[in-house]
Amino acid sequence: MTVVLSTLTKVLLASLGISLAIKYGGPYLPLTGTSATAAVIVVAPSILVAIALGWDAWSRR
């Protein structure tokens, strides 16, 4: 049970950190307002969290 809570906590903290970075750091980035830019920004947090979870699962083997 503690493994599940630990993983859930990691996911929530990673998501919080990424969303805060996007919210407060995003306006300082010289990005154009295109559909491709919006798609990358929307999909990037999910990909980063998936990488972190995969890395965690791989390291537990």
N, C-alpha and C. Protein backbone atom coordinates (compact mmCIF):
# COMPACT_ATOMS: atom_id res chain seq x y z
N MET A 1 0.82 -1.20 0.00
CA MET A 1 0.00 0.00 0.00
C MET A 1 0.86 1.25 0.00
N THR A 2 1.98 1.22 0.71
CA THR A 2 2.82 2.41 0.75
C THR A 2 3.49 2.66 -0.59
N VAL A 3 3.71 1.60 -1.37
CA VAL A 3 4.30 1.78 -2.70
C VAL A 3 3.32 2.54 -3.59
N VAL A 4 2.05 2.21 -3.48
CA VAL A 4 1.02 2.89 -4.27
C VAL A 4 0.94 4.35 -3.87
N LEU A 5 0.93 4.61 -2.58
CA LEU A 5 0.86 6.00 -2.11
C LEU A 5 2.11 6.78 -2.50
N SER A 6 3.25 6.14 -2.45
CA SER A 6 4.49 6.79 -2.84
C SER A 6 4.46 7.16 -4.32
N THR A 7 4.02 6.24 -5.15
CA THR A 7 3.94 6.50 -6.59
C THR A 7 2.91 7.59 -6.87
N LEU A 8 1.77 7.53 -6.21
CA LEU A 8 0.74 8.54 -6.40
C LEU A 8 1.24 9.92 -5.98
N THR A 9 1.95 9.98 -4.88
CA THR A 9 2.52 11.25 -4.42
C THR A 9 3.53 11.79 -5.42
N LYS A 10 4.37 10.92 -5.97
CA LYS A 10 5.34 11.35 -6.97
C LYS A 10 4.65 11.91 -8.21
N VAL A 11 3.59 11.24 -8.64
CA VAL A 11 2.85 11.70 -9.82
C VAL A 11 2.21 13.05 -9.56
N LEU A 12 1.58 13.20 -8.41
CA LEU A 12 0.93 14.46 -8.10
C LEU A 12 1.94 15.61 -7.98
N LEU A 13 3.06 15.36 -7.32
CA LEU A 13 4.08 16.41 -7.19
C LEU A 13 4.71 16.76 -8.53
N ALA A 14 4.95 15.76 -9.36
CA ALA A 14 5.50 16.03 -10.69
C ALA A 14 4.51 16.83 -11.53
N SER A 15 3.24 16.47 -11.47
CA SER A 15 2.22 17.20 -12.22
C SER A 15 2.10 18.63 -11.72
N LEU A 16 2.16 18.81 -10.41
CA LEU A 16 2.09 20.15 -9.84
C LEU A 16 3.27 20.99 -10.29
N GLY A 17 4.46 20.42 -10.22
CA GLY A 17 5.66 21.15 -10.62
C GLY A 17 5.64 21.54 -12.09
N ILE A 18 5.22 20.61 -12.93
CA ILE A 18 5.16 20.90 -14.36
C ILE A 18 4.11 21.96 -14.66
N SER A 19 2.95 21.87 -14.02
CA SER A 19 1.90 22.85 -14.29
C SER A 19 2.29 24.24 -13.79
N LEU A 20 2.98 24.31 -12.65
CA LEU A 20 3.45 25.61 -12.17
C LEU A 20 4.53 26.19 -13.09
N ALA A 21 5.39 25.33 -13.60
CA ALA A 21 6.42 25.79 -14.54
C ALA A 21 5.78 26.34 -15.81
N ILE A 22 4.74 25.67 -16.28
CA ILE A 22 4.05 26.15 -17.49
C ILE A 22 3.32 27.46 -17.20
N LYS A 23 2.64 27.52 -16.06
CA LYS A 23 1.85 28.71 -15.74
C LYS A 23 2.71 29.95 -15.53
N TYR A 24 3.77 29.82 -14.75
CA TYR A 24 4.57 30.99 -14.41
C TYR A 24 5.78 31.19 -15.31
N GLY A 25 6.30 30.13 -15.90
CA GLY A 25 7.46 30.26 -16.77
C GLY A 25 7.10 30.40 -18.23
N GLY A 26 5.91 29.96 -18.59
CA GLY A 26 5.48 30.00 -19.98
C GLY A 26 5.48 31.38 -20.62
N PRO A 27 4.99 32.41 -19.94
CA PRO A 27 4.98 33.73 -20.55
C PRO A 27 6.37 34.28 -20.87
N TYR A 28 7.40 33.77 -20.24
CA TYR A 28 8.75 34.25 -20.50
C TYR A 28 9.41 33.56 -21.69
N LEU A 29 8.78 32.50 -22.21
CA LEU A 29 9.34 31.79 -23.35
C LEU A 29 8.94 32.48 -24.66
N PRO A 30 9.88 32.61 -25.58
CA PRO A 30 9.57 33.26 -26.86
C PRO A 30 8.89 32.27 -27.82
N LEU A 31 7.64 31.94 -27.55
CA LEU A 31 6.91 30.99 -28.37
C LEU A 31 5.84 31.69 -29.19
N THR A 32 5.63 31.19 -30.41
CA THR A 32 4.55 31.73 -31.23
C THR A 32 3.26 31.00 -30.88
N GLY A 33 2.15 31.66 -31.06
CA GLY A 33 0.86 31.07 -30.72
C GLY A 33 0.30 30.23 -31.85
N THR A 34 0.84 29.06 -32.07
CA THR A 34 0.35 28.17 -33.13
C THR A 34 -0.29 26.93 -32.52
N SER A 35 -0.99 26.19 -33.35
CA SER A 35 -1.63 24.96 -32.89
C SER A 35 -0.59 23.92 -32.46
N ALA A 36 0.52 23.86 -33.19
CA ALA A 36 1.57 22.89 -32.85
C ALA A 36 2.17 23.20 -31.48
N THR A 37 2.41 24.47 -31.19
CA THR A 37 2.95 24.86 -29.90
C THR A 37 1.98 24.48 -28.78
N ALA A 38 0.71 24.75 -28.98
CA ALA A 38 -0.30 24.41 -27.97
C ALA A 38 -0.37 22.90 -27.76
N ALA A 39 -0.29 22.14 -28.83
CA ALA A 39 -0.35 20.68 -28.71
C ALA A 39 0.84 20.14 -27.93
N VAL A 40 2.03 20.67 -28.20
CA VAL A 40 3.23 20.22 -27.48
C VAL A 40 3.11 20.57 -26.00
N ILE A 41 2.64 21.75 -25.69
CA ILE A 41 2.52 22.17 -24.30
C ILE A 41 1.48 21.33 -23.55
N VAL A 42 0.42 20.94 -24.23
CA VAL A 42 -0.62 20.13 -23.59
C VAL A 42 -0.15 18.69 -23.38
N VAL A 43 0.58 18.13 -24.34
CA VAL A 43 0.98 16.73 -24.29
C VAL A 43 2.25 16.52 -23.46
N ALA A 44 3.11 17.51 -23.38
CA ALA A 44 4.41 17.37 -22.71
C ALA A 44 4.29 16.90 -21.24
N PRO A 45 3.41 17.46 -20.43
CA PRO A 45 3.34 16.98 -19.03
C PRO A 45 3.01 15.49 -18.92
N SER A 46 2.10 15.01 -19.75
CA SER A 46 1.75 13.58 -19.71
C SER A 46 2.94 12.72 -20.11
N ILE A 47 3.67 13.15 -21.11
CA ILE A 47 4.84 12.39 -21.55
C ILE A 47 5.91 12.39 -20.47
N LEU A 48 6.14 13.53 -19.85
CA LEU A 48 7.15 13.61 -18.80
C LEU A 48 6.79 12.74 -17.59
N VAL A 49 5.53 12.74 -17.21
CA VAL A 49 5.09 11.90 -16.09
C VAL A 49 5.19 10.42 -16.47
N ALA A 50 4.85 10.08 -17.71
CA ALA A 50 4.98 8.69 -18.15
C ALA A 50 6.44 8.24 -18.12
N ILE A 51 7.35 9.11 -18.52
CA ILE A 51 8.78 8.79 -18.47
C ILE A 51 9.22 8.58 -17.02
N ALA A 52 8.77 9.45 -16.13
CA ALA A 52 9.14 9.32 -14.72
C ALA A 52 8.61 8.01 -14.13
N LEU A 53 7.37 7.66 -14.45
CA LEU A 53 6.80 6.42 -13.94
C LEU A 53 7.49 5.20 -14.54
N GLY A 54 7.81 5.27 -15.81
CA GLY A 54 8.53 4.17 -16.44
C GLY A 54 9.90 3.97 -15.84
N TRP A 55 10.57 5.08 -15.58
CA TRP A 55 11.90 5.03 -14.95
C TRP A 55 11.80 4.41 -13.56
N ASP A 56 10.77 4.82 -12.81
CA ASP A 56 10.57 4.29 -11.47
C ASP A 56 10.29 2.78 -11.52
N ALA A 57 9.43 2.36 -12.43
CA ALA A 57 9.12 0.93 -12.56
C ALA A 57 10.34 0.14 -13.01
N TRP A 58 11.12 0.70 -13.91
CA TRP A 58 12.31 0.02 -14.41
C TRP A 58 13.36 -0.12 -13.30
N SER A 59 13.48 0.89 -12.45
CA SER A 59 14.49 0.84 -11.39
C SER A 59 14.10 -0.11 -10.27
N ARG A 60 12.84 -0.48 -10.15
CA ARG A 60 12.37 -1.39 -9.10
C ARG A 60 12.59 -2.85 -9.46
N ARG A 61 12.98 -3.15 -10.68
CA ARG A 61 13.18 -4.56 -11.08
C ARG A 61 14.28 -5.19 -10.33
